[in-house]
Amino acid sequence: MKKASTLSLIVLTALLGACTTVDTRTEDQHDSMSMHDMTASLEGKTGDDFDKAFIDAMIEHHEGAVDMAELALDHAKHEAIHTLAEAIIDTQQKEIALMQQWKDAWGY
């Protein structure tokens, strides 16, 4: 059990770290920002300006995680990665939906 948990943590760390360099979006989708760019875009913002920028950046970040996890489902060899990818897709899609609801409710 401990070995599987450690492996999952290593894989998750690698996937999250790769989010800053992998872009699987099609040409009709907007350019993705690096994690550094996303964080920098929040600097100096407060209130609604911050909240909107934060949500927009987090949705983009989560969509990238879903894209990567879908690739893992198709290409990964190890079942542990498939299991982690399924969990990432499920969790990130729920969080994207929640943030979309906030944007609608708050008029963003």
N, C-alpha and C. Protein backbone atom coordinates (compact mmCIF):
# COMPACT_ATOMS: atom_id res chain seq x y z
N MET A 1 0.83 -1.20 0.00
CA MET A 1 0.00 0.00 0.00
C MET A 1 0.86 1.25 0.00
N LYS A 2 1.89 1.28 0.85
CA LYS A 2 2.74 2.45 0.93
C LYS A 2 3.47 2.67 -0.39
N LYS A 3 3.89 1.59 -1.05
CA LYS A 3 4.60 1.70 -2.32
C LYS A 3 3.68 2.33 -3.38
N ALA A 4 2.42 1.93 -3.43
CA ALA A 4 1.47 2.47 -4.40
C ALA A 4 1.21 3.95 -4.12
N SER A 5 1.10 4.32 -2.85
CA SER A 5 0.87 5.72 -2.50
C SER A 5 2.05 6.58 -2.89
N THR A 6 3.25 6.09 -2.66
CA THR A 6 4.46 6.82 -3.03
C THR A 6 4.53 6.98 -4.54
N LEU A 7 4.24 5.92 -5.28
CA LEU A 7 4.25 5.99 -6.73
C LEU A 7 3.22 6.98 -7.24
N SER A 8 2.03 6.97 -6.66
CA SER A 8 0.99 7.92 -7.07
C SER A 8 1.43 9.35 -6.83
N LEU A 9 2.08 9.60 -5.70
CA LEU A 9 2.56 10.94 -5.39
C LEU A 9 3.63 11.38 -6.38
N ILE A 10 4.53 10.48 -6.73
CA ILE A 10 5.58 10.80 -7.70
C ILE A 10 4.96 11.11 -9.05
N VAL A 11 4.01 10.29 -9.49
CA VAL A 11 3.37 10.51 -10.79
C VAL A 11 2.60 11.82 -10.79
N LEU A 12 1.86 12.10 -9.74
CA LEU A 12 1.10 13.34 -9.64
C LEU A 12 2.04 14.55 -9.70
N THR A 13 3.14 14.48 -8.98
CA THR A 13 4.11 15.58 -8.99
C THR A 13 4.66 15.78 -10.38
N ALA A 14 4.96 14.70 -11.08
CA ALA A 14 5.48 14.81 -12.44
C ALA A 14 4.44 15.40 -13.38
N LEU A 15 3.20 14.96 -13.24
CA LEU A 15 2.14 15.49 -14.10
C LEU A 15 1.91 16.97 -13.85
N LEU A 16 1.87 17.37 -12.61
CA LEU A 16 1.65 18.78 -12.29
C LEU A 16 2.81 19.64 -12.75
N GLY A 17 4.00 19.14 -12.60
CA GLY A 17 5.17 19.89 -13.07
C GLY A 17 5.18 20.02 -14.57
N ALA A 18 4.72 19.00 -15.28
CA ALA A 18 4.70 19.04 -16.73
C ALA A 18 3.64 19.98 -17.26
N CYS A 19 2.67 20.34 -16.44
CA CYS A 19 1.61 21.26 -16.89
C CYS A 19 2.17 22.58 -17.38
N THR A 20 3.36 22.93 -16.96
CA THR A 20 3.91 24.22 -17.36
C THR A 20 4.54 24.16 -18.74
N THR A 21 4.76 22.96 -19.29
CA THR A 21 5.47 22.89 -20.56
C THR A 21 4.71 22.14 -21.64
N VAL A 22 3.70 21.39 -21.31
CA VAL A 22 2.99 20.60 -22.30
C VAL A 22 1.70 21.30 -22.69
N ASP A 23 1.49 21.46 -23.99
CA ASP A 23 0.26 22.08 -24.47
C ASP A 23 -0.31 21.20 -25.56
N THR A 24 -1.45 20.55 -25.28
CA THR A 24 -2.06 19.64 -26.24
C THR A 24 -3.26 20.26 -26.93
N ARG A 25 -3.41 21.56 -26.81
CA ARG A 25 -4.58 22.23 -27.37
C ARG A 25 -4.46 22.35 -28.88
N THR A 26 -5.60 22.45 -29.52
CA THR A 26 -5.62 22.63 -30.97
C THR A 26 -5.41 24.10 -31.30
N GLU A 27 -5.14 24.39 -32.57
CA GLU A 27 -4.84 25.76 -32.98
C GLU A 27 -5.99 26.72 -32.73
N ASP A 28 -7.23 26.23 -32.73
CA ASP A 28 -8.36 27.14 -32.54
C ASP A 28 -8.56 27.52 -31.08
N GLN A 29 -7.81 26.91 -30.17
CA GLN A 29 -7.90 27.28 -28.77
C GLN A 29 -6.83 28.32 -28.46
N HIS A 30 -7.09 29.17 -27.48
CA HIS A 30 -6.15 30.24 -27.16
C HIS A 30 -4.85 29.68 -26.63
N ASP A 31 -3.81 30.50 -26.75
CA ASP A 31 -2.49 30.08 -26.27
C ASP A 31 -2.54 29.87 -24.77
N SER A 32 -1.86 28.83 -24.33
CA SER A 32 -1.83 28.58 -22.89
C SER A 32 -0.68 29.35 -22.27
N MET A 33 -0.87 29.70 -21.01
CA MET A 33 0.17 30.41 -20.28
C MET A 33 0.92 29.42 -19.40
N SER A 34 2.17 29.70 -19.13
CA SER A 34 2.92 28.89 -18.19
C SER A 34 2.41 29.18 -16.78
N MET A 35 2.77 28.33 -15.85
CA MET A 35 2.38 28.57 -14.46
C MET A 35 2.94 29.91 -13.98
N HIS A 36 4.15 30.23 -14.36
CA HIS A 36 4.74 31.50 -13.98
C HIS A 36 3.92 32.66 -14.53
N ASP A 37 3.52 32.56 -15.80
CA ASP A 37 2.70 33.62 -16.41
C ASP A 37 1.35 33.76 -15.69
N MET A 38 0.75 32.61 -15.35
CA MET A 38 -0.53 32.65 -14.65
C MET A 38 -0.40 33.35 -13.30
N THR A 39 0.64 33.01 -12.58
CA THR A 39 0.87 33.63 -11.28
C THR A 39 1.16 35.12 -11.44
N ALA A 40 1.98 35.46 -12.41
CA ALA A 40 2.32 36.87 -12.64
C ALA A 40 1.09 37.68 -13.03
N SER A 41 0.14 37.05 -13.73
CA SER A 41 -1.06 37.77 -14.16
C SER A 41 -1.95 38.17 -12.98
N LEU A 42 -1.73 37.56 -11.84
CA LEU A 42 -2.52 37.88 -10.63
C LEU A 42 -1.92 39.01 -9.82
N GLU A 43 -0.65 39.29 -10.02
CA GLU A 43 0.06 40.30 -9.23
C GLU A 43 -0.61 41.66 -9.39
N GLY A 44 -0.79 42.34 -8.29
CA GLY A 44 -1.35 43.67 -8.29
C GLY A 44 -2.86 43.74 -8.39
N LYS A 45 -3.51 42.62 -8.53
CA LYS A 45 -4.97 42.59 -8.63
C LYS A 45 -5.57 42.34 -7.25
N THR A 46 -6.74 42.90 -7.02
CA THR A 46 -7.50 42.66 -5.79
C THR A 46 -8.97 42.58 -6.14
N GLY A 47 -9.76 42.13 -5.18
CA GLY A 47 -11.21 42.11 -5.34
C GLY A 47 -11.67 41.32 -6.56
N ASP A 48 -12.67 41.86 -7.26
CA ASP A 48 -13.23 41.17 -8.43
C ASP A 48 -12.19 40.96 -9.53
N ASP A 49 -11.29 41.93 -9.72
CA ASP A 49 -10.26 41.76 -10.74
C ASP A 49 -9.40 40.53 -10.44
N PHE A 50 -9.03 40.37 -9.16
CA PHE A 50 -8.25 39.19 -8.78
C PHE A 50 -9.07 37.92 -8.95
N ASP A 51 -10.29 37.92 -8.44
CA ASP A 51 -11.12 36.72 -8.48
C ASP A 51 -11.33 36.24 -9.91
N LYS A 52 -11.64 37.15 -10.81
CA LYS A 52 -11.87 36.77 -12.21
C LYS A 52 -10.59 36.23 -12.84
N ALA A 53 -9.47 36.91 -12.64
CA ALA A 53 -8.20 36.46 -13.20
C ALA A 53 -7.80 35.10 -12.62
N PHE A 54 -8.01 34.92 -11.32
CA PHE A 54 -7.68 33.66 -10.66
C PHE A 54 -8.51 32.52 -11.25
N ILE A 55 -9.81 32.74 -11.36
CA ILE A 55 -10.68 31.69 -11.90
C ILE A 55 -10.32 31.37 -13.34
N ASP A 56 -10.10 32.40 -14.14
CA ASP A 56 -9.74 32.16 -15.55
C ASP A 56 -8.45 31.35 -15.65
N ALA A 57 -7.44 31.71 -14.86
CA ALA A 57 -6.17 30.99 -14.89
C ALA A 57 -6.33 29.56 -14.38
N MET A 58 -7.11 29.38 -13.33
CA MET A 58 -7.30 28.04 -12.78
C MET A 58 -8.07 27.14 -13.74
N ILE A 59 -9.06 27.69 -14.43
CA ILE A 59 -9.79 26.89 -15.41
C ILE A 59 -8.84 26.43 -16.50
N GLU A 60 -8.01 27.34 -17.00
CA GLU A 60 -7.04 26.97 -18.04
C GLU A 60 -6.08 25.90 -17.52
N HIS A 61 -5.60 26.07 -16.30
CA HIS A 61 -4.69 25.11 -15.69
C HIS A 61 -5.35 23.74 -15.56
N HIS A 62 -6.59 23.72 -15.07
CA HIS A 62 -7.32 22.46 -14.90
C HIS A 62 -7.59 21.80 -16.24
N GLU A 63 -7.94 22.59 -17.25
CA GLU A 63 -8.18 22.03 -18.59
C GLU A 63 -6.91 21.37 -19.12
N GLY A 64 -5.76 21.98 -18.85
CA GLY A 64 -4.48 21.37 -19.24
C GLY A 64 -4.25 20.05 -18.53
N ALA A 65 -4.60 19.99 -17.25
CA ALA A 65 -4.45 18.74 -16.49
C ALA A 65 -5.36 17.65 -17.06
N VAL A 66 -6.58 18.02 -17.44
CA VAL A 66 -7.50 17.04 -18.04
C VAL A 66 -6.94 16.55 -19.37
N ASP A 67 -6.43 17.46 -20.20
CA ASP A 67 -5.84 17.07 -21.48
C ASP A 67 -4.71 16.07 -21.28
N MET A 68 -3.83 16.37 -20.30
CA MET A 68 -2.71 15.47 -20.03
C MET A 68 -3.19 14.12 -19.52
N ALA A 69 -4.17 14.13 -18.65
CA ALA A 69 -4.68 12.88 -18.09
C ALA A 69 -5.35 12.03 -19.17
N GLU A 70 -6.03 12.68 -20.11
CA GLU A 70 -6.63 11.92 -21.21
C GLU A 70 -5.55 11.27 -22.06
N LEU A 71 -4.44 11.95 -22.27
CA LEU A 71 -3.32 11.34 -22.98
C LEU A 71 -2.78 10.14 -22.21
N ALA A 72 -2.72 10.28 -20.89
CA ALA A 72 -2.23 9.17 -20.06
C ALA A 72 -3.13 7.95 -20.19
N LEU A 73 -4.44 8.17 -20.27
CA LEU A 73 -5.35 7.03 -20.43
C LEU A 73 -5.07 6.28 -21.72
N ASP A 74 -4.71 7.00 -22.76
CA ASP A 74 -4.47 6.38 -24.06
C ASP A 74 -3.07 5.80 -24.21
N HIS A 75 -2.09 6.34 -23.47
CA HIS A 75 -0.71 5.98 -23.78
C HIS A 75 0.10 5.39 -22.63
N ALA A 76 -0.34 5.54 -21.41
CA ALA A 76 0.46 5.06 -20.28
C ALA A 76 0.48 3.55 -20.20
N LYS A 77 1.57 3.02 -19.76
CA LYS A 77 1.75 1.58 -19.62
C LYS A 77 1.20 1.07 -18.29
N HIS A 78 1.46 1.79 -17.22
CA HIS A 78 1.16 1.30 -15.88
C HIS A 78 -0.26 1.66 -15.43
N GLU A 79 -0.90 0.68 -14.80
CA GLU A 79 -2.27 0.87 -14.32
C GLU A 79 -2.35 1.99 -13.29
N ALA A 80 -1.29 2.18 -12.50
CA ALA A 80 -1.29 3.25 -11.50
C ALA A 80 -1.49 4.61 -12.16
N ILE A 81 -0.90 4.80 -13.31
CA ILE A 81 -1.05 6.07 -14.03
C ILE A 81 -2.47 6.19 -14.58
N HIS A 82 -3.01 5.10 -15.08
CA HIS A 82 -4.41 5.12 -15.56
C HIS A 82 -5.36 5.51 -14.42
N THR A 83 -5.14 4.91 -13.26
CA THR A 83 -5.98 5.19 -12.10
C THR A 83 -5.86 6.66 -11.69
N LEU A 84 -4.64 7.14 -11.64
CA LEU A 84 -4.42 8.54 -11.29
C LEU A 84 -5.05 9.46 -12.34
N ALA A 85 -4.89 9.14 -13.61
CA ALA A 85 -5.45 9.96 -14.68
C ALA A 85 -6.98 10.04 -14.58
N GLU A 86 -7.61 8.93 -14.28
CA GLU A 86 -9.08 8.94 -14.12
C GLU A 86 -9.49 9.84 -12.96
N ALA A 87 -8.74 9.78 -11.86
CA ALA A 87 -9.06 10.63 -10.70
C ALA A 87 -8.84 12.11 -11.03
N ILE A 88 -7.78 12.41 -11.76
CA ILE A 88 -7.51 13.79 -12.17
C ILE A 88 -8.64 14.32 -13.04
N ILE A 89 -9.05 13.53 -14.02
CA ILE A 89 -10.13 13.96 -14.92
C ILE A 89 -11.40 14.23 -14.13
N ASP A 90 -11.76 13.31 -13.26
CA ASP A 90 -12.99 13.46 -12.47
C ASP A 90 -12.94 14.71 -11.59
N THR A 91 -11.87 14.86 -10.85
CA THR A 91 -11.75 15.98 -9.91
C THR A 91 -11.65 17.32 -10.63
N GLN A 92 -10.81 17.38 -11.64
CA GLN A 92 -10.60 18.65 -12.33
C GLN A 92 -11.86 19.10 -13.08
N GLN A 93 -12.59 18.16 -13.67
CA GLN A 93 -13.82 18.53 -14.36
C GLN A 93 -14.86 19.08 -13.38
N LYS A 94 -14.94 18.50 -12.20
CA LYS A 94 -15.86 19.01 -11.17
C LYS A 94 -15.46 20.42 -10.75
N GLU A 95 -14.18 20.65 -10.58
CA GLU A 95 -13.72 21.98 -10.17
C GLU A 95 -13.91 23.00 -11.28
N ILE A 96 -13.71 22.61 -12.53
CA ILE A 96 -13.97 23.51 -13.66
C ILE A 96 -15.43 23.91 -13.67
N ALA A 97 -16.32 22.94 -13.50
CA ALA A 97 -17.77 23.24 -13.48
C ALA A 97 -18.11 24.19 -12.34
N LEU A 98 -17.52 23.99 -11.17
CA LEU A 98 -17.77 24.87 -10.03
C LEU A 98 -17.30 26.29 -10.33
N MET A 99 -16.11 26.42 -10.90
CA MET A 99 -15.60 27.75 -11.20
C MET A 99 -16.41 28.44 -12.30
N GLN A 100 -16.91 27.66 -13.26
CA GLN A 100 -17.78 28.22 -14.29
C GLN A 100 -19.07 28.75 -13.65
N GLN A 101 -19.60 28.00 -12.68
CA GLN A 101 -20.80 28.46 -11.97
C GLN A 101 -20.53 29.77 -11.24
N TRP A 102 -19.37 29.88 -10.61
CA TRP A 102 -19.01 31.12 -9.93
C TRP A 102 -18.94 32.27 -10.91
N LYS A 103 -18.28 32.02 -12.06
CA LYS A 103 -18.17 33.09 -13.05
C LYS A 103 -19.55 33.59 -13.48
N ASP A 104 -20.46 32.66 -13.72
CA ASP A 104 -21.83 33.04 -14.12
C ASP A 104 -22.53 33.80 -13.01
N ALA A 105 -22.43 33.28 -11.79
CA ALA A 105 -23.12 33.89 -10.65
C ALA A 105 -22.57 35.28 -10.33
N TRP A 106 -21.28 35.49 -10.55
CA TRP A 106 -20.64 36.74 -10.19
C TRP A 106 -20.53 37.69 -11.38
N GLY A 107 -21.09 37.31 -12.52
CA GLY A 107 -21.11 38.19 -13.68
C GLY A 107 -19.78 38.35 -14.40
N TYR A 108 -18.93 37.34 -14.32
CA TYR A 108 -17.64 37.40 -15.02
C TYR A 108 -17.84 36.79 -16.39
